[in-house]
């Protein structure tokens, strides 16, 4: 055996022992670390869908990707559902944990097991709140997802109509819309 091999083999053994020790102490990252939500830094973390700061402790949501070990945070469950639908999350979404804060207590709940109620004032206007206990008029996760996707369509239509009305008002007043970049 060469002198180089005699030096490399003990070094490799040391590396393996160190890595093994770290794994024994800290464990392997994986699905078990997502058995609870990753803490949100309120008023610092931003929504993965809209980019707004997450400030509402009663309507926040989180989706964890168990494949890459990443948590995506949202200011509204509506944004979480829309993001998952439009960001090709279908290959890992079934394995993910979806967390939401209880609209009454602010405590974290498993979104798939929560009960959902309409009529909430939420950051993005989807209007759904999660509850830990069944209340009159509450419904389950599958119905909540359907409702949120339909609500997204109506919100987009409303925003489009409001934008068209604004353009028509500006045109009738003789003003022109300017690109904000053109002002600089």
C-alpha atoms as a PDB file:
ATOM      1  CA  UNK A   1       0.000   0.000   0.000  1.00  0.00           C
ATOM      2  CA  UNK A   2       1.319   3.431  -0.910  1.00  0.00           C
ATOM      3  CA  UNK A   3       2.053   6.173   1.590  1.00  0.00           C
ATOM      4  CA  UNK A   4      -0.796   8.245   0.137  1.00  0.00           C
ATOM      5  CA  UNK A   5      -3.307   5.431   0.661  1.00  0.00           C
ATOM      6  CA  UNK A   6      -2.091   4.971   4.247  1.00  0.00           C
ATOM      7  CA  UNK A   7      -2.864   8.669   4.890  1.00  0.00           C
ATOM      8  CA  UNK A   8      -6.225   8.791   3.075  1.00  0.00           C
ATOM      9  CA  UNK A   9      -7.808   5.673   4.631  1.00  0.00           C
ATOM     10  CA  UNK A  10      -7.555   6.869   8.286  1.00  0.00           C
ATOM     11  CA  UNK A  11      -8.793  10.322   7.235  1.00  0.00           C
ATOM     12  CA  UNK A  12     -11.818   8.736   5.521  1.00  0.00           C
ATOM     13  CA  UNK A  13     -12.579   6.677   8.615  1.00  0.00           C
ATOM     14  CA  UNK A  14     -12.461   9.829  10.777  1.00  0.00           C
ATOM     15  CA  UNK A  15     -14.874  11.611   8.417  1.00  0.00           C
ATOM     16  CA  UNK A  16     -17.320   8.683   8.492  1.00  0.00           C
ATOM     17  CA  UNK A  17     -17.183   8.533  12.297  1.00  0.00           C
ATOM     18  CA  UNK A  18     -17.783  12.300  12.574  1.00  0.00           C
ATOM     19  CA  UNK A  19     -20.731  12.195  10.158  1.00  0.00           C
ATOM     20  CA  UNK A  20     -22.178   9.185  11.967  1.00  0.00           C
ATOM     21  CA  UNK A  21     -21.875  10.982  15.287  1.00  0.00           C
ATOM     22  CA  UNK A  22     -23.619  14.080  13.933  1.00  0.00           C
ATOM     23  CA  UNK A  23     -26.456  11.940  12.572  1.00  0.00           C
ATOM     24  CA  UNK A  24     -26.751  10.157  15.921  1.00  0.00           C
ATOM     25  CA  UNK A  25     -26.940  13.480  17.763  1.00  0.00           C
ATOM     26  CA  UNK A  26     -29.118  15.530  15.379  1.00  0.00           C
ATOM     27  CA  UNK A  27     -30.846  12.844  13.309  1.00  0.00           C
ATOM     28  CA  UNK A  28     -31.425  12.807   9.587  1.00  0.00           C
ATOM     29  CA  UNK A  29     -33.553  15.557   8.093  1.00  0.00           C
ATOM     30  CA  UNK A  30     -36.748  14.116   6.748  1.00  0.00           C
ATOM     31  CA  UNK A  31     -40.477  13.760   7.148  1.00  0.00           C
ATOM     32  CA  UNK A  32     -40.330  13.583  10.932  1.00  0.00           C
ATOM     33  CA  UNK A  33     -39.104  17.169  11.198  1.00  0.00           C
ATOM     34  CA  UNK A  34     -42.355  18.322   9.585  1.00  0.00           C
ATOM     35  CA  UNK A  35     -44.608  16.770  12.209  1.00  0.00           C
ATOM     36  CA  UNK A  36     -44.991  20.337  13.404  1.00  0.00           C
ATOM     37  CA  UNK A  37     -44.873  23.593  11.449  1.00  0.00           C
ATOM     38  CA  UNK A  38     -41.678  25.540  10.963  1.00  0.00           C
ATOM     39  CA  UNK A  39     -42.104  28.715  13.054  1.00  0.00           C
ATOM     40  CA  UNK A  40     -43.160  31.798  11.129  1.00  0.00           C
ATOM     41  CA  UNK A  41     -41.272  34.980  11.901  1.00  0.00           C
ATOM     42  CA  UNK A  42     -44.312  37.263  12.093  1.00  0.00           C
ATOM     43  CA  UNK A  43     -43.974  40.522  10.143  1.00  0.00           C
ATOM     44  CA  UNK A  44     -40.657  39.250   8.696  1.00  0.00           C
ATOM     45  CA  UNK A  45     -41.457  36.137   6.617  1.00  0.00           C
ATOM     46  CA  UNK A  46     -43.165  36.713   3.284  1.00  0.00           C
ATOM     47  CA  UNK A  47     -45.898  34.760   1.546  1.00  0.00           C
ATOM     48  CA  UNK A  48     -44.543  32.387  -1.127  1.00  0.00           C
ATOM     49  CA  UNK A  49     -47.485  33.251  -3.409  1.00  0.00           C
ATOM     50  CA  UNK A  50     -47.994  37.014  -3.158  1.00  0.00           C
ATOM     51  CA  UNK A  51     -44.822  38.278  -1.445  1.00  0.00           C
ATOM     52  CA  UNK A  52     -46.648  40.133   1.342  1.00  0.00           C
ATOM     53  CA  UNK A  53     -45.423  40.004   4.926  1.00  0.00           C
ATOM     54  CA  UNK A  54     -47.166  37.385   7.038  1.00  0.00           C
ATOM     55  CA  UNK A  55     -48.749  39.259   9.937  1.00  0.00           C
ATOM     56  CA  UNK A  56     -52.154  37.643  10.599  1.00  0.00           C
ATOM     57  CA  UNK A  57     -51.652  34.959  13.248  1.00  0.00           C
ATOM     58  CA  UNK A  58     -55.167  33.580  12.689  1.00  0.00           C
ATOM     59  CA  UNK A  59     -55.050  32.866   8.947  1.00  0.00           C
ATOM     60  CA  UNK A  60     -51.446  31.889   8.134  1.00  0.00           C
ATOM     61  CA  UNK A  61     -50.586  28.630   6.376  1.00  0.00           C
ATOM     62  CA  UNK A  62     -47.554  26.505   5.597  1.00  0.00           C
ATOM     63  CA  UNK A  63     -46.858  23.683   3.155  1.00  0.00           C
ATOM     64  CA  UNK A  64     -43.817  21.487   3.691  1.00  0.00           C
ATOM     65  CA  UNK A  65     -42.079  19.724   0.827  1.00  0.00           C
ATOM     66  CA  UNK A  66     -40.807  16.421   2.233  1.00  0.00           C
ATOM     67  CA  UNK A  67     -38.699  15.745  -0.871  1.00  0.00           C
ATOM     68  CA  UNK A  68     -36.368  18.713  -0.411  1.00  0.00           C
ATOM     69  CA  UNK A  69     -37.163  19.482   3.237  1.00  0.00           C
ATOM     70  CA  UNK A  70     -38.448  23.010   2.679  1.00  0.00           C
ATOM     71  CA  UNK A  71     -41.383  24.852   4.258  1.00  0.00           C
ATOM     72  CA  UNK A  72     -43.350  27.344   2.149  1.00  0.00           C
ATOM     73  CA  UNK A  73     -45.192  29.977   4.180  1.00  0.00           C
ATOM     74  CA  UNK A  74     -48.381  31.847   3.258  1.00  0.00           C
ATOM     75  CA  UNK A  75     -50.466  34.723   4.589  1.00  0.00           C
ATOM     76  CA  UNK A  76     -53.783  33.068   3.632  1.00  0.00           C
ATOM     77  CA  UNK A  77     -54.824  29.446   3.015  1.00  0.00           C
ATOM     78  CA  UNK A  78     -56.150  30.614  -0.360  1.00  0.00           C
ATOM     79  CA  UNK A  79     -52.662  31.632  -1.435  1.00  0.00           C
ATOM     80  CA  UNK A  80     -51.318  28.272  -0.244  1.00  0.00           C
ATOM     81  CA  UNK A  81     -53.835  26.306  -2.319  1.00  0.00           C
ATOM     82  CA  UNK A  82     -53.345  28.481  -5.419  1.00  0.00           C
ATOM     83  CA  UNK A  83     -49.560  28.247  -5.082  1.00  0.00           C
ATOM     84  CA  UNK A  84     -49.694  24.441  -4.783  1.00  0.00           C
ATOM     85  CA  UNK A  85     -51.941  24.159  -7.838  1.00  0.00           C
ATOM     86  CA  UNK A  86     -49.830  26.450 -10.027  1.00  0.00           C
ATOM     87  CA  UNK A  87     -46.322  25.464  -8.900  1.00  0.00           C
ATOM     88  CA  UNK A  88     -46.319  21.817  -9.960  1.00  0.00           C
ATOM     89  CA  UNK A  89     -46.422  20.565  -6.401  1.00  0.00           C
ATOM     90  CA  UNK A  90     -48.563  17.581  -7.395  1.00  0.00           C
ATOM     91  CA  UNK A  91     -45.608  15.171  -7.328  1.00  0.00           C
ATOM     92  CA  UNK A  92     -45.004  15.728  -3.594  1.00  0.00           C
ATOM     93  CA  UNK A  93     -48.132  17.476  -2.297  1.00  0.00           C
ATOM     94  CA  UNK A  94     -49.839  14.256  -1.153  1.00  0.00           C
ATOM     95  CA  UNK A  95     -46.835  13.516   1.081  1.00  0.00           C
ATOM     96  CA  UNK A  96     -46.583  17.066   2.408  1.00  0.00           C
ATOM     97  CA  UNK A  97     -47.919  18.497   5.612  1.00  0.00           C
ATOM     98  CA  UNK A  98     -50.245  21.455   5.232  1.00  0.00           C
ATOM     99  CA  UNK A  99     -50.531  23.585   8.347  1.00  0.00           C
ATOM    100  CA  UNK A 100     -52.899  26.443   9.079  1.00  0.00           C
ATOM    101  CA  UNK A 101     -53.530  28.596  12.107  1.00  0.00           C
ATOM    102  CA  UNK A 102     -56.852  28.256  13.920  1.00  0.00           C
ATOM    103  CA  UNK A 103     -58.919  31.353  13.138  1.00  0.00           C
ATOM    104  CA  UNK A 104     -59.994  31.648  16.798  1.00  0.00           C
ATOM    105  CA  UNK A 105     -56.904  30.661  18.780  1.00  0.00           C
ATOM    106  CA  UNK A 106     -54.001  31.127  16.365  1.00  0.00           C
ATOM    107  CA  UNK A 107     -52.725  27.625  17.193  1.00  0.00           C
ATOM    108  CA  UNK A 108     -51.405  25.449  14.380  1.00  0.00           C
ATOM    109  CA  UNK A 109     -53.701  22.769  12.925  1.00  0.00           C
ATOM    110  CA  UNK A 110     -53.313  20.118  10.273  1.00  0.00           C
ATOM    111  CA  UNK A 111     -55.228  21.772   7.409  1.00  0.00           C
ATOM    112  CA  UNK A 112     -56.483  18.436   6.081  1.00  0.00           C
ATOM    113  CA  UNK A 113     -58.092  17.632   9.453  1.00  0.00           C
ATOM    114  CA  UNK A 114     -59.372  21.126  10.268  1.00  0.00           C
ATOM    115  CA  UNK A 115     -62.950  22.305   9.850  1.00  0.00           C
ATOM    116  CA  UNK A 116     -63.468  25.284   7.574  1.00  0.00           C
ATOM    117  CA  UNK A 117     -65.871  28.199   7.801  1.00  0.00           C
ATOM    118  CA  UNK A 118     -66.675  31.012   5.381  1.00  0.00           C
ATOM    119  CA  UNK A 119     -67.139  34.662   6.212  1.00  0.00           C
ATOM    120  CA  UNK A 120     -63.714  35.371   7.706  1.00  0.00           C
ATOM    121  CA  UNK A 121     -61.748  38.530   6.955  1.00  0.00           C
ATOM    122  CA  UNK A 122     -58.475  37.138   5.618  1.00  0.00           C
ATOM    123  CA  UNK A 123     -55.351  38.840   4.244  1.00  0.00           C
ATOM    124  CA  UNK A 124     -56.015  37.982   0.597  1.00  0.00           C
ATOM    125  CA  UNK A 125     -59.809  37.976   0.692  1.00  0.00           C
ATOM    126  CA  UNK A 126     -60.434  34.249   0.352  1.00  0.00           C
ATOM    127  CA  UNK A 127     -62.563  34.385   3.498  1.00  0.00           C
ATOM    128  CA  UNK A 128     -61.942  30.904   4.903  1.00  0.00           C
ATOM    129  CA  UNK A 129     -60.951  30.250   8.477  1.00  0.00           C
ATOM    130  CA  UNK A 130     -59.783  26.993  10.038  1.00  0.00           C
ATOM    131  CA  UNK A 131     -61.186  25.587  13.256  1.00  0.00           C
ATOM    132  CA  UNK A 132     -60.129  22.703  15.453  1.00  0.00           C
ATOM    133  CA  UNK A 133     -63.732  21.817  16.357  1.00  0.00           C
ATOM    134  CA  UNK A 134     -66.810  21.301  14.220  1.00  0.00           C
ATOM    135  CA  UNK A 135     -69.223  24.238  14.187  1.00  0.00           C
ATOM    136  CA  UNK A 136     -72.509  24.726  12.317  1.00  0.00           C
ATOM    137  CA  UNK A 137     -71.847  25.419   8.639  1.00  0.00           C
ATOM    138  CA  UNK A 138     -68.270  24.136   8.777  1.00  0.00           C
ATOM    139  CA  UNK A 139     -66.944  21.781   6.118  1.00  0.00           C
ATOM    140  CA  UNK A 140     -63.930  19.537   5.422  1.00  0.00           C
ATOM    141  CA  UNK A 141     -60.681  20.024   3.481  1.00  0.00           C
ATOM    142  CA  UNK A 142     -61.754  18.804   0.025  1.00  0.00           C
ATOM    143  CA  UNK A 143     -64.678  21.212  -0.027  1.00  0.00           C
ATOM    144  CA  UNK A 144     -62.392  23.984   1.243  1.00  0.00           C
ATOM    145  CA  UNK A 145     -59.963  23.422  -1.649  1.00  0.00           C
ATOM    146  CA  UNK A 146     -62.795  23.515  -4.200  1.00  0.00           C
ATOM    147  CA  UNK A 147     -64.169  26.675  -2.627  1.00  0.00           C
ATOM    148  CA  UNK A 148     -60.737  28.362  -2.632  1.00  0.00           C
ATOM    149  CA  UNK A 149     -60.044  27.581  -6.294  1.00  0.00           C
ATOM    150  CA  UNK A 150     -63.486  28.900  -7.278  1.00  0.00           C
ATOM    151  CA  UNK A 151     -62.959  31.974  -5.093  1.00  0.00           C
ATOM    152  CA  UNK A 152     -59.648  32.586  -6.881  1.00  0.00           C
ATOM    153  CA  UNK A 153     -61.498  32.790 -10.192  1.00  0.00           C
ATOM    154  CA  UNK A 154     -64.019  35.277  -8.818  1.00  0.00           C
ATOM    155  CA  UNK A 155     -61.272  37.403  -7.200  1.00  0.00           C
ATOM    156  CA  UNK A 156     -59.339  37.542 -10.476  1.00  0.00           C
ATOM    157  CA  UNK A 157     -62.497  38.485 -12.381  1.00  0.00           C
ATOM    158  CA  UNK A 158     -63.312  41.200  -9.828  1.00  0.00           C
ATOM    159  CA  UNK A 159     -59.774  42.611 -10.016  1.00  0.00           C
ATOM    160  CA  UNK A 160     -59.877  42.560 -13.807  1.00  0.00           C
ATOM    161  CA  UNK A 161     -63.240  44.363 -13.820  1.00  0.00           C
ATOM    162  CA  UNK A 162     -62.007  46.939 -11.304  1.00  0.00           C
ATOM    163  CA  UNK A 163     -58.908  47.548 -13.416  1.00  0.00           C
ATOM    164  CA  UNK A 164     -61.016  48.002 -16.552  1.00  0.00           C
ATOM    165  CA  UNK A 165     -63.325  50.446 -14.732  1.00  0.00           C
ATOM    166  CA  UNK A 166     -60.312  52.412 -13.508  1.00  0.00           C
ATOM    167  CA  UNK A 167     -58.911  52.619 -17.032  1.00  0.00           C
ATOM    168  CA  UNK A 168     -62.289  53.750 -18.370  1.00  0.00           C
ATOM    169  CA  UNK A 169     -62.571  56.449 -15.658  1.00  0.00           C
ATOM    170  CA  UNK A 170     -59.071  57.689 -16.349  1.00  0.00           C
ATOM    171  CA  UNK A 171     -59.747  57.784 -20.080  1.00  0.00           C
ATOM    172  CA  UNK A 172     -63.013  59.717 -19.617  1.00  0.00           C
ATOM    173  CA  UNK A 173     -61.176  62.221 -17.386  1.00  0.00           C
ATOM    174  CA  UNK A 174     -58.587  62.766 -20.097  1.00  0.00           C
ATOM    175  CA  UNK A 175     -55.776  61.237 -18.077  1.00  0.00           C
ATOM    176  CA  UNK A 176     -53.502  58.467 -19.218  1.00  0.00           C
ATOM    177  CA  UNK A 177     -52.175  55.589 -17.173  1.00  0.00           C
ATOM    178  CA  UNK A 178     -48.421  55.735 -16.924  1.00  0.00           C
ATOM    179  CA  UNK A 179     -46.031  52.940 -16.181  1.00  0.00           C
ATOM    180  CA  UNK A 180     -44.470  53.543 -12.759  1.00  0.00           C
ATOM    181  CA  UNK A 181     -41.030  52.869 -14.290  1.00  0.00           C
ATOM    182  CA  UNK A 182     -41.558  55.692 -16.789  1.00  0.00           C
ATOM    183  CA  UNK A 183     -41.898  58.208 -13.934  1.00  0.00           C
ATOM    184  CA  UNK A 184     -38.409  57.479 -12.616  1.00  0.00           C
END
